[in-house]
Amino acid sequence: MSFGFKIIAKIILLCDWSYDPVVGRFINADSVEYLDPSSVNGLNLYAYCGNNPIMYTDPDGHMPNWLKWLIGGVSFVGAVVLTALTGGSLTPVFVGMGVSILSDGLLQGTIGTIGGGSFWGGFVDRMADGALWGGVFALGGATLRTVKLFKNGVAIGENMTRVTKLARAGKQITYKGMPGFNLIKNIGGENLARSLSMNHNKKFIERMMRWGVEIVDFGIDITRDYRSFYYLMETIVTTGYRYLRILY
């Protein structure tokens, strides 16, 4: 924690805590609510700020902000990797993380201002909580998608709007397409974007086959009078695959 202090009889008084600089320890224990068996110092109620109150601060008496950013960041990276590998959309992952960080910061900043404190002090401090929980929830969502992938398989077929509806009923996941398709299309043209997208799609299907994931094929869209080159590629790649289930 960050304190004002007084020195009485060589004991430093930090609000409700007393610190003995000779032995380098606080001489009164913290509340038992701060016990944390998962941390190195989590069972030592005499250890404040990671047992180094001179170098570190701990605004709320719990996990330091740098650790929140670290855990949230690692979790977020894990969520991005899992989502990309399982063919999910990255946009909700990034948006969710950003909203979590900003909303927590704005909330605490507003509360601090109402209480007569600094908006930016509360905003910056609480952003760490948003990063922590944003990353953790993103990783949780990506993990659930991965579990669903291995349990129920991935759906392919013509017309992804149609396939998505059918997959929702069968609880399969669907491939969300190559990230940045529109950006590449605007910069390099539609042919380049479609070529890269086709290859990206092919790599995804091949990865699912290497992982032994069931592939559920919902076939062509009979309401259309033209065929999809994407679906043609999928049928060629999955021909002979032992875990292919055809539902048409």
Foldseek 3Di string as FASTA:
>chain_A
DDADWDADPCWIDGPPWIARVVVLWIPDFDDPVQQDPVDPCRNPRGQFQNNCVVPGDDVPRHDGLVVLLVQLVVLLVLLQVLCLLQQHDCVVLVVLLVCLLQVQLQVQLVVQVVVVHHSNVRSVRRSSVSSNVSSNVSSVVSVVLVVLCQVQNEEDEEDVVVRVVVCVVSSHHYRPWDPPLVVCCVVPNNVVSVVVRLVSLLVSLVSCLVVVTAYEYAYYDVVDPDTDPSRVSNCVSCVPRPRYHYDD
